[in-house]
Amino acid sequence: MKPIWHSLDVSLDQLNETGANTMASFLGMEFTEIGPDYLRMIMPVNGRTKQPYGLLHGGASAALAETVGSVASSLIIDHKKQIAVGLDINANHIKGVTEGYVHAIARPLHIGSTTHVWDIRICDDDNKLVCISRLTVAIRDKKA
């Protein structure tokens, strides 16, 4: 399969460094795999990502989905000419999680010149589905 990425000249370390001092780093998100047509990251289920009942907060799942999908879009475009920004996100929370990690994988549903649409599946450590998300990312030209 031919990779969908603009450049294969990026490492997981570089992606994780780019997220320093952002919500992603505060919540403990970490990129773990770049495939030919997908991007994967993990996030711990802990005090920063739980709601008061001790379950993974739905907003943390949405933040994970938006992060992995937006970064995936940024890997497709030419950064010298364009930027990728989140436009719309939907998240259906399927199962509660109280400990361990959640694992998100973003795969494209549509890669157009002005929008990208991503299917993001979030699973627990036992590979049980926790959340299904769809993210639409707007692709904009950089202003001169």
N, C-alpha and C. Protein backbone atom coordinates (compact mmCIF):
# COMPACT_ATOMS: atom_id res chain seq x y z
N MET A 1 0.83 -1.18 0.00
CA MET A 1 0.00 0.00 0.00
C MET A 1 0.88 1.25 0.00
N LYS A 2 0.54 2.19 -0.85
CA LYS A 2 1.29 3.44 -0.93
C LYS A 2 0.90 4.35 0.24
N PRO A 3 1.87 4.88 0.96
CA PRO A 3 1.56 5.77 2.09
C PRO A 3 0.81 7.03 1.64
N ILE A 4 -0.06 7.53 2.52
CA ILE A 4 -0.84 8.73 2.22
C ILE A 4 -0.12 10.01 2.66
N TRP A 5 0.98 9.89 3.33
CA TRP A 5 1.64 11.03 3.95
C TRP A 5 2.41 11.87 2.92
N HIS A 6 2.45 13.18 3.14
CA HIS A 6 3.18 14.10 2.26
C HIS A 6 4.66 13.77 2.25
N SER A 7 5.16 13.47 3.44
CA SER A 7 6.57 13.12 3.58
C SER A 7 6.69 11.99 4.59
N LEU A 8 7.55 11.07 4.32
CA LEU A 8 7.81 10.00 5.29
C LEU A 8 8.99 10.36 6.18
N ASP A 9 9.39 11.61 6.11
CA ASP A 9 10.56 12.09 6.84
C ASP A 9 10.16 12.65 8.21
N VAL A 10 9.34 11.89 8.94
CA VAL A 10 8.93 12.30 10.28
C VAL A 10 8.98 11.07 11.18
N SER A 11 9.39 11.29 12.43
CA SER A 11 9.49 10.18 13.37
C SER A 11 8.47 10.36 14.50
N LEU A 12 8.23 9.29 15.22
CA LEU A 12 7.35 9.38 16.39
C LEU A 12 7.92 10.35 17.42
N ASP A 13 9.23 10.33 17.60
CA ASP A 13 9.87 11.28 18.53
C ASP A 13 9.58 12.72 18.13
N GLN A 14 9.68 13.02 16.83
CA GLN A 14 9.40 14.38 16.37
C GLN A 14 7.95 14.76 16.63
N LEU A 15 7.03 13.84 16.35
CA LEU A 15 5.61 14.12 16.60
C LEU A 15 5.36 14.38 18.08
N ASN A 16 5.96 13.56 18.93
CA ASN A 16 5.76 13.74 20.37
C ASN A 16 6.40 15.03 20.87
N GLU A 17 7.53 15.42 20.32
CA GLU A 17 8.17 16.68 20.70
C GLU A 17 7.33 17.87 20.29
N THR A 18 6.65 17.78 19.14
CA THR A 18 5.81 18.87 18.66
C THR A 18 4.67 19.14 19.64
N GLY A 19 4.22 18.13 20.35
CA GLY A 19 3.13 18.29 21.30
C GLY A 19 3.54 18.77 22.68
N ALA A 20 4.82 19.06 22.88
CA ALA A 20 5.28 19.54 24.19
C ALA A 20 4.56 20.83 24.56
N ASN A 21 4.18 20.96 25.82
CA ASN A 21 3.51 22.15 26.35
C ASN A 21 2.17 22.42 25.68
N THR A 22 1.46 21.36 25.33
CA THR A 22 0.12 21.47 24.76
C THR A 22 -0.83 20.61 25.59
N MET A 23 -2.11 20.65 25.23
CA MET A 23 -3.08 19.80 25.91
C MET A 23 -2.67 18.33 25.80
N ALA A 24 -2.16 17.95 24.63
CA ALA A 24 -1.75 16.56 24.43
C ALA A 24 -0.72 16.13 25.47
N SER A 25 0.27 16.96 25.72
CA SER A 25 1.29 16.57 26.70
C SER A 25 0.72 16.61 28.12
N PHE A 26 -0.15 17.58 28.41
CA PHE A 26 -0.75 17.66 29.74
C PHE A 26 -1.56 16.40 30.05
N LEU A 27 -2.29 15.89 29.04
CA LEU A 27 -3.12 14.70 29.25
C LEU A 27 -2.33 13.40 29.09
N GLY A 28 -1.05 13.49 28.73
CA GLY A 28 -0.20 12.31 28.63
C GLY A 28 -0.31 11.55 27.32
N MET A 29 -0.79 12.21 26.27
CA MET A 29 -0.92 11.55 24.97
C MET A 29 0.46 11.31 24.37
N GLU A 30 0.57 10.20 23.65
CA GLU A 30 1.84 9.85 23.02
C GLU A 30 1.58 9.11 21.71
N PHE A 31 2.25 9.56 20.64
CA PHE A 31 2.16 8.86 19.36
C PHE A 31 2.96 7.57 19.46
N THR A 32 2.38 6.48 18.94
CA THR A 32 3.03 5.18 19.06
C THR A 32 3.28 4.47 17.73
N GLU A 33 2.60 4.89 16.66
CA GLU A 33 2.79 4.18 15.39
C GLU A 33 2.31 5.04 14.22
N ILE A 34 3.09 5.01 13.16
CA ILE A 34 2.70 5.61 11.89
C ILE A 34 2.65 4.48 10.87
N GLY A 35 1.46 4.19 10.37
CA GLY A 35 1.30 3.17 9.34
C GLY A 35 1.16 3.83 7.98
N PRO A 36 1.01 3.05 6.91
CA PRO A 36 0.90 3.65 5.58
C PRO A 36 -0.34 4.52 5.41
N ASP A 37 -1.42 4.22 6.17
CA ASP A 37 -2.64 5.01 6.05
C ASP A 37 -3.32 5.21 7.40
N TYR A 38 -2.55 5.18 8.47
CA TYR A 38 -3.13 5.42 9.79
C TYR A 38 -2.08 5.99 10.73
N LEU A 39 -2.59 6.61 11.80
CA LEU A 39 -1.74 7.15 12.86
C LEU A 39 -2.35 6.68 14.18
N ARG A 40 -1.49 6.25 15.09
CA ARG A 40 -1.95 5.71 16.38
C ARG A 40 -1.32 6.48 17.53
N MET A 41 -2.11 6.68 18.59
CA MET A 41 -1.57 7.25 19.81
C MET A 41 -2.29 6.68 21.02
N ILE A 42 -1.67 6.86 22.18
CA ILE A 42 -2.24 6.37 23.44
C ILE A 42 -2.40 7.53 24.41
N MET A 43 -3.25 7.30 25.42
CA MET A 43 -3.45 8.28 26.50
C MET A 43 -3.76 7.50 27.78
N PRO A 44 -3.14 7.88 28.90
CA PRO A 44 -3.44 7.17 30.15
C PRO A 44 -4.82 7.56 30.68
N VAL A 45 -5.42 6.61 31.39
CA VAL A 45 -6.66 6.89 32.13
C VAL A 45 -6.21 7.11 33.56
N ASN A 46 -6.20 8.39 33.97
CA ASN A 46 -5.70 8.75 35.30
C ASN A 46 -6.43 10.01 35.78
N GLY A 47 -5.93 10.61 36.83
CA GLY A 47 -6.57 11.78 37.42
C GLY A 47 -6.74 12.95 36.46
N ARG A 48 -5.88 13.07 35.47
CA ARG A 48 -6.01 14.17 34.49
C ARG A 48 -7.07 13.90 33.45
N THR A 49 -7.44 12.62 33.25
CA THR A 49 -8.34 12.28 32.16
C THR A 49 -9.67 11.67 32.63
N LYS A 50 -9.87 11.56 33.94
CA LYS A 50 -11.11 10.97 34.46
C LYS A 50 -12.09 12.06 34.87
N GLN A 51 -13.38 11.70 34.88
CA GLN A 51 -14.42 12.55 35.43
C GLN A 51 -14.67 12.12 36.88
N PRO A 52 -15.52 12.85 37.63
CA PRO A 52 -15.68 12.57 39.07
C PRO A 52 -16.12 11.15 39.44
N TYR A 53 -16.78 10.41 38.53
CA TYR A 53 -17.18 9.04 38.83
C TYR A 53 -16.05 8.03 38.66
N GLY A 54 -14.88 8.51 38.28
CA GLY A 54 -13.73 7.63 38.11
C GLY A 54 -13.60 7.02 36.73
N LEU A 55 -14.46 7.46 35.81
CA LEU A 55 -14.42 6.96 34.43
C LEU A 55 -13.65 7.93 33.53
N LEU A 56 -13.14 7.42 32.43
CA LEU A 56 -12.52 8.28 31.42
C LEU A 56 -13.51 9.36 31.01
N HIS A 57 -13.09 10.59 31.04
CA HIS A 57 -13.93 11.74 30.68
C HIS A 57 -14.15 11.74 29.17
N GLY A 58 -15.39 11.94 28.75
CA GLY A 58 -15.69 12.00 27.32
C GLY A 58 -14.93 13.09 26.61
N GLY A 59 -14.69 14.20 27.29
CA GLY A 59 -13.92 15.29 26.70
C GLY A 59 -12.47 14.90 26.46
N ALA A 60 -11.93 14.04 27.33
CA ALA A 60 -10.56 13.55 27.12
C ALA A 60 -10.51 12.66 25.88
N SER A 61 -11.54 11.83 25.71
CA SER A 61 -11.61 10.99 24.49
C SER A 61 -11.70 11.87 23.25
N ALA A 62 -12.52 12.91 23.32
CA ALA A 62 -12.66 13.83 22.17
C ALA A 62 -11.34 14.55 21.90
N ALA A 63 -10.64 14.95 22.95
CA ALA A 63 -9.34 15.61 22.77
C ALA A 63 -8.33 14.65 22.12
N LEU A 64 -8.36 13.39 22.53
CA LEU A 64 -7.47 12.39 21.93
C LEU A 64 -7.81 12.21 20.46
N ALA A 65 -9.09 12.08 20.15
CA ALA A 65 -9.52 11.90 18.76
C ALA A 65 -9.12 13.10 17.91
N GLU A 66 -9.37 14.30 18.41
CA GLU A 66 -9.03 15.49 17.62
C GLU A 66 -7.53 15.62 17.44
N THR A 67 -6.77 15.26 18.44
CA THR A 67 -5.31 15.35 18.33
C THR A 67 -4.78 14.39 17.28
N VAL A 68 -5.15 13.12 17.36
CA VAL A 68 -4.60 12.15 16.42
C VAL A 68 -5.07 12.43 14.99
N GLY A 69 -6.32 12.84 14.83
CA GLY A 69 -6.82 13.15 13.49
C GLY A 69 -6.23 14.42 12.90
N SER A 70 -6.12 15.45 13.71
CA SER A 70 -5.55 16.71 13.21
C SER A 70 -4.08 16.55 12.83
N VAL A 71 -3.34 15.83 13.65
CA VAL A 71 -1.94 15.61 13.33
C VAL A 71 -1.82 14.74 12.08
N ALA A 72 -2.70 13.76 11.93
CA ALA A 72 -2.69 12.95 10.71
C ALA A 72 -2.90 13.84 9.48
N SER A 73 -3.85 14.77 9.56
CA SER A 73 -4.06 15.70 8.44
C SER A 73 -2.82 16.53 8.19
N SER A 74 -2.17 16.97 9.25
CA SER A 74 -0.98 17.80 9.08
C SER A 74 0.15 17.04 8.40
N LEU A 75 0.13 15.71 8.50
CA LEU A 75 1.16 14.90 7.84
C LEU A 75 0.88 14.70 6.35
N ILE A 76 -0.31 15.05 5.91
CA ILE A 76 -0.68 14.88 4.50
C ILE A 76 -0.41 16.14 3.68
N ILE A 77 -0.49 17.30 4.33
CA ILE A 77 -0.39 18.56 3.60
C ILE A 77 1.05 19.05 3.49
N ASP A 78 1.25 20.04 2.64
CA ASP A 78 2.55 20.72 2.50
C ASP A 78 2.55 21.90 3.47
N HIS A 79 3.32 21.80 4.55
CA HIS A 79 3.33 22.83 5.59
C HIS A 79 3.80 24.20 5.10
N LYS A 80 4.51 24.23 4.01
CA LYS A 80 4.96 25.52 3.48
C LYS A 80 3.80 26.30 2.87
N LYS A 81 2.74 25.57 2.47
CA LYS A 81 1.62 26.21 1.76
C LYS A 81 0.30 26.17 2.52
N GLN A 82 0.14 25.20 3.43
CA GLN A 82 -1.18 24.98 4.03
C GLN A 82 -1.10 24.75 5.54
N ILE A 83 -2.27 24.88 6.18
CA ILE A 83 -2.43 24.50 7.58
C ILE A 83 -3.67 23.61 7.67
N ALA A 84 -3.73 22.79 8.72
CA ALA A 84 -4.88 21.91 8.96
C ALA A 84 -5.48 22.28 10.31
N VAL A 85 -6.80 22.56 10.32
CA VAL A 85 -7.47 22.94 11.57
C VAL A 85 -8.77 22.15 11.71
N GLY A 86 -9.07 21.75 12.93
CA GLY A 86 -10.30 21.01 13.19
C GLY A 86 -11.52 21.84 12.84
N LEU A 87 -12.50 21.21 12.20
CA LEU A 87 -13.72 21.89 11.78
C LEU A 87 -14.93 21.34 12.52
N ASP A 88 -14.98 20.01 12.70
CA ASP A 88 -16.14 19.38 13.35
C ASP A 88 -15.69 18.05 13.94
N ILE A 89 -16.21 17.76 15.13
CA ILE A 89 -15.91 16.46 15.74
C ILE A 89 -17.18 15.88 16.34
N ASN A 90 -17.31 14.56 16.20
CA ASN A 90 -18.41 13.82 16.78
C ASN A 90 -17.78 12.66 17.54
N ALA A 91 -18.31 12.38 18.72
CA ALA A 91 -17.78 11.26 19.50
C ALA A 91 -18.94 10.51 20.15
N ASN A 92 -18.99 9.21 19.91
CA ASN A 92 -19.95 8.34 20.57
C ASN A 92 -19.19 7.50 21.58
N HIS A 93 -19.55 7.66 22.85
CA HIS A 93 -18.88 6.94 23.94
C HIS A 93 -19.59 5.61 24.14
N ILE A 94 -18.87 4.53 23.95
CA ILE A 94 -19.43 3.18 23.92
C ILE A 94 -19.27 2.45 25.25
N LYS A 95 -18.12 2.60 25.88
CA LYS A 95 -17.79 1.81 27.08
C LYS A 95 -16.95 2.65 28.02
N GLY A 96 -17.20 2.52 29.31
CA GLY A 96 -16.41 3.23 30.30
C GLY A 96 -15.07 2.54 30.55
N VAL A 97 -14.09 3.36 30.92
CA VAL A 97 -12.75 2.85 31.26
C VAL A 97 -12.32 3.52 32.56
N THR A 98 -11.74 2.74 33.49
CA THR A 98 -11.34 3.29 34.78
C THR A 98 -9.83 3.26 35.02
N GLU A 99 -9.09 2.52 34.20
CA GLU A 99 -7.65 2.42 34.42
C GLU A 99 -6.94 2.01 33.13
N GLY A 100 -5.63 2.08 33.15
CA GLY A 100 -4.82 1.66 32.00
C GLY A 100 -4.66 2.77 30.99
N TYR A 101 -4.69 2.39 29.73
CA TYR A 101 -4.53 3.32 28.62
C TYR A 101 -5.68 3.15 27.65
N VAL A 102 -5.93 4.20 26.89
CA VAL A 102 -6.80 4.09 25.73
C VAL A 102 -5.92 4.31 24.50
N HIS A 103 -6.27 3.60 23.43
CA HIS A 103 -5.48 3.56 22.21
C HIS A 103 -6.34 4.07 21.07
N ALA A 104 -5.90 5.13 20.39
CA ALA A 104 -6.66 5.72 19.29
C ALA A 104 -5.96 5.45 17.98
N ILE A 105 -6.75 5.11 16.97
CA ILE A 105 -6.20 4.94 15.63
C ILE A 105 -7.07 5.74 14.67
N ALA A 106 -6.41 6.61 13.90
CA ALA A 106 -7.10 7.45 12.92
C ALA A 106 -6.84 6.93 11.53
N ARG A 107 -7.92 6.73 10.77
CA ARG A 107 -7.84 6.30 9.37
C ARG A 107 -8.70 7.25 8.53
N PRO A 108 -8.23 7.59 7.34
CA PRO A 108 -8.99 8.55 6.53
C PRO A 108 -10.25 7.93 5.92
N LEU A 109 -11.31 8.72 5.93
CA LEU A 109 -12.52 8.39 5.18
C LEU A 109 -12.56 9.20 3.89
N HIS A 110 -11.96 10.39 3.94
CA HIS A 110 -11.93 11.28 2.78
C HIS A 110 -10.70 12.17 2.89
N ILE A 111 -9.93 12.25 1.82
CA ILE A 111 -8.80 13.18 1.76
C ILE A 111 -9.02 14.05 0.53
N GLY A 112 -9.53 15.24 0.75
CA GLY A 112 -9.78 16.17 -0.34
C GLY A 112 -8.81 17.33 -0.29
N SER A 113 -8.99 18.27 -1.20
CA SER A 113 -8.08 19.42 -1.25
C SER A 113 -8.41 20.45 -0.18
N THR A 114 -9.66 20.49 0.31
CA THR A 114 -10.03 21.48 1.33
C THR A 114 -10.52 20.86 2.63
N THR A 115 -10.83 19.57 2.63
CA THR A 115 -11.24 18.90 3.87
C THR A 115 -10.69 17.48 3.91
N HIS A 116 -10.46 17.02 5.12
CA HIS A 116 -10.13 15.62 5.39
C HIS A 116 -11.15 15.14 6.42
N VAL A 117 -11.61 13.91 6.28
CA VAL A 117 -12.52 13.32 7.26
C VAL A 117 -11.87 12.05 7.78
N TRP A 118 -11.80 11.93 9.11
CA TRP A 118 -11.12 10.82 9.76
C TRP A 118 -12.08 9.99 10.59
N ASP A 119 -11.90 8.68 10.53
CA ASP A 119 -12.57 7.75 11.42
C ASP A 119 -11.57 7.41 12.51
N ILE A 120 -11.94 7.68 13.76
CA ILE A 120 -11.03 7.43 14.87
C ILE A 120 -11.70 6.44 15.81
N ARG A 121 -11.04 5.33 16.05
CA ARG A 121 -11.53 4.30 16.97
C ARG A 121 -10.63 4.32 18.21
N ILE A 122 -11.26 4.42 19.37
CA ILE A 122 -10.53 4.40 20.63
C ILE A 122 -10.90 3.13 21.37
N CYS A 123 -9.88 2.35 21.74
CA CYS A 123 -10.08 1.07 22.44
C CYS A 123 -9.32 1.08 23.76
N ASP A 124 -9.70 0.17 24.66
CA ASP A 124 -8.98 0.03 25.93
C ASP A 124 -7.81 -0.94 25.75
N ASP A 125 -7.14 -1.25 26.84
CA ASP A 125 -5.98 -2.15 26.78
C ASP A 125 -6.34 -3.55 26.30
N ASP A 126 -7.61 -3.95 26.44
CA ASP A 126 -8.07 -5.26 25.99
C ASP A 126 -8.64 -5.21 24.57
N ASN A 127 -8.40 -4.09 23.88
CA ASN A 127 -8.86 -3.88 22.52
C ASN A 127 -10.39 -3.84 22.41
N LYS A 128 -11.07 -3.47 23.49
CA LYS A 128 -12.52 -3.30 23.47
C LYS A 128 -12.83 -1.86 23.11
N LEU A 129 -13.80 -1.67 22.23
CA LEU A 129 -14.14 -0.36 21.73
C LEU A 129 -14.69 0.53 22.85
N VAL A 130 -14.10 1.72 22.99
CA VAL A 130 -14.48 2.68 24.01
C VAL A 130 -15.23 3.86 23.39
N CYS A 131 -14.77 4.33 22.24
CA CYS A 131 -15.33 5.52 21.61
C CYS A 131 -15.11 5.45 20.10
N ILE A 132 -16.12 5.90 19.36
CA ILE A 132 -16.01 6.05 17.91
C ILE A 132 -16.15 7.54 17.63
N SER A 133 -15.22 8.08 16.88
CA SER A 133 -15.25 9.51 16.58
C SER A 133 -15.06 9.74 15.09
N ARG A 134 -15.68 10.81 14.61
CA ARG A 134 -15.44 11.26 13.24
C ARG A 134 -15.00 12.72 13.34
N LEU A 135 -13.88 13.02 12.71
CA LEU A 135 -13.30 14.36 12.73
C LEU A 135 -13.18 14.89 11.32
N THR A 136 -13.68 16.10 11.11
CA THR A 136 -13.50 16.79 9.85
C THR A 136 -12.47 17.90 10.07
N VAL A 137 -11.47 17.92 9.21
CA VAL A 137 -10.39 18.90 9.32
C VAL A 137 -10.42 19.79 8.07
N ALA A 138 -10.38 21.09 8.29
CA ALA A 138 -10.33 22.05 7.18
C ALA A 138 -8.87 22.26 6.77
N ILE A 139 -8.64 22.26 5.48
CA ILE A 139 -7.30 22.52 4.94
C ILE A 139 -7.34 23.91 4.34
N ARG A 140 -6.51 24.79 4.89
CA ARG A 140 -6.49 26.18 4.47
C ARG A 140 -5.12 26.58 3.95
N ASP A 141 -5.14 27.46 2.98
CA ASP A 141 -3.88 28.01 2.48
C ASP A 141 -3.31 28.97 3.52
N LYS A 142 -2.00 28.97 3.65
CA LYS A 142 -1.35 29.93 4.55
C LYS A 142 -1.47 31.32 3.93
N LYS A 143 -1.65 32.29 4.80
CA LYS A 143 -1.70 33.67 4.33
C LYS A 143 -0.29 34.15 4.09
N ALA A 144 -0.13 34.92 3.03
CA ALA A 144 1.21 35.43 2.65
C ALA A 144 1.73 36.42 3.66
